[in-house]
Amino acid sequence: MLGVMLNNKETQEIEYMLKRELEELLLDLTDSRIDGIVKRAMEERYKIIFGLYKRFASPKECYKYIRSKQQRSEKFSD
């Protein structure tokens, strides 16, 4: 386990970067042109980044980036 001390500005910047990455992943995970193997890797990345984001954001903010059951069930249908 690692610890990091961040000031308020750095925390805001990390939160911003994580939000942008989550938005991009959620968009790409719904793209039917992307192969199933690639989607599985993207799903793993989403879980890691969402876990990091939960440490910075409020629960209310986290709800925006939770995948629906329908999205999760479609992930391997390709």
Protein backbone atom coordinates (compact mmCIF):
# COMPACT_ATOMS: atom_id res chain seq x y z
CA MET A 1 0.00 0.00 0.00
CA LEU A 2 1.19 3.49 -0.83
CA GLY A 3 0.23 6.81 0.65
CA VAL A 4 0.17 10.16 -1.10
CA MET A 5 -0.30 13.63 0.28
CA LEU A 6 -2.05 16.00 -2.10
CA ASN A 7 -3.10 19.59 -1.79
CA ASN A 8 -6.62 20.69 -2.80
CA LYS A 9 -5.60 21.75 -6.33
CA GLU A 10 -3.86 18.41 -6.99
CA THR A 11 -6.88 16.51 -5.69
CA GLN A 12 -9.18 18.43 -8.03
CA GLU A 13 -6.88 17.73 -10.97
CA ILE A 14 -6.74 13.99 -10.26
CA GLU A 15 -10.51 13.86 -9.84
CA TYR A 16 -10.91 15.67 -13.19
CA MET A 17 -8.57 13.24 -14.98
CA LEU A 18 -10.33 10.21 -13.50
CA LYS A 19 -13.75 11.56 -14.53
CA ARG A 20 -12.61 12.12 -18.11
CA GLU A 21 -11.12 8.64 -18.30
CA LEU A 22 -14.32 7.08 -16.90
CA GLU A 23 -16.44 8.98 -19.40
CA GLU A 24 -14.27 7.80 -22.26
CA LEU A 25 -14.33 4.19 -21.07
CA LEU A 26 -18.10 4.19 -20.61
CA LEU A 27 -18.55 5.54 -24.12
CA ASP A 28 -16.13 3.02 -25.64
CA LEU A 29 -17.71 0.10 -23.77
CA THR A 30 -20.99 0.80 -25.56
CA ASP A 31 -19.33 0.86 -29.00
CA SER A 32 -20.36 -2.26 -30.91
CA ARG A 33 -17.35 -2.02 -33.22
CA ILE A 34 -14.91 -2.88 -30.43
CA ASP A 35 -13.93 -6.54 -30.08
CA GLY A 36 -14.90 -8.55 -26.98
CA ILE A 37 -11.30 -9.15 -25.92
CA VAL A 38 -10.59 -5.43 -25.99
CA LYS A 39 -13.81 -4.76 -24.07
CA ARG A 40 -12.72 -7.18 -21.34
CA ALA A 41 -9.46 -5.25 -20.94
CA MET A 42 -11.41 -1.99 -20.89
CA GLU A 43 -13.72 -3.42 -18.22
CA GLU A 44 -10.73 -4.23 -16.02
CA ARG A 45 -9.39 -0.71 -16.53
CA TYR A 46 -12.82 0.74 -15.71
CA LYS A 47 -12.94 -1.17 -12.41
CA ILE A 48 -9.50 0.09 -11.38
CA ILE A 49 -10.17 3.70 -12.34
CA PHE A 50 -13.64 3.69 -10.77
CA GLY A 51 -12.09 2.33 -7.55
CA LEU A 52 -9.64 5.23 -7.53
CA TYR A 53 -12.38 7.73 -8.31
CA LYS A 54 -14.47 6.51 -5.37
CA ARG A 55 -11.66 7.61 -3.06
CA PHE A 56 -11.83 11.19 -4.32
CA ALA A 57 -15.50 11.79 -5.11
CA SER A 58 -18.70 11.85 -3.09
CA PRO A 59 -21.13 8.94 -3.44
CA LYS A 60 -23.50 11.24 -5.33
CA GLU A 61 -20.79 11.96 -7.92
CA CYS A 62 -19.89 8.27 -8.19
CA TYR A 63 -23.44 7.33 -9.24
CA LYS A 64 -22.86 9.10 -12.55
CA TYR A 65 -20.18 6.56 -13.50
CA ILE A 66 -21.75 3.30 -12.34
CA ARG A 67 -22.51 0.97 -15.22
CA SER A 68 -26.06 -0.33 -15.53
CA LYS A 69 -26.84 -4.07 -15.50
CA GLN A 70 -27.76 -3.89 -19.17
CA GLN A 71 -24.35 -2.44 -20.05
CA ARG A 72 -22.57 -5.16 -18.07
CA SER A 73 -24.60 -7.96 -19.69
CA GLU A 74 -23.81 -6.67 -23.19
CA LYS A 75 -20.07 -6.56 -22.63
CA PHE A 76 -19.37 -10.07 -23.96
CA SER A 77 -22.15 -10.40 -26.50
CA ASP A 78 -19.88 -9.50 -29.46
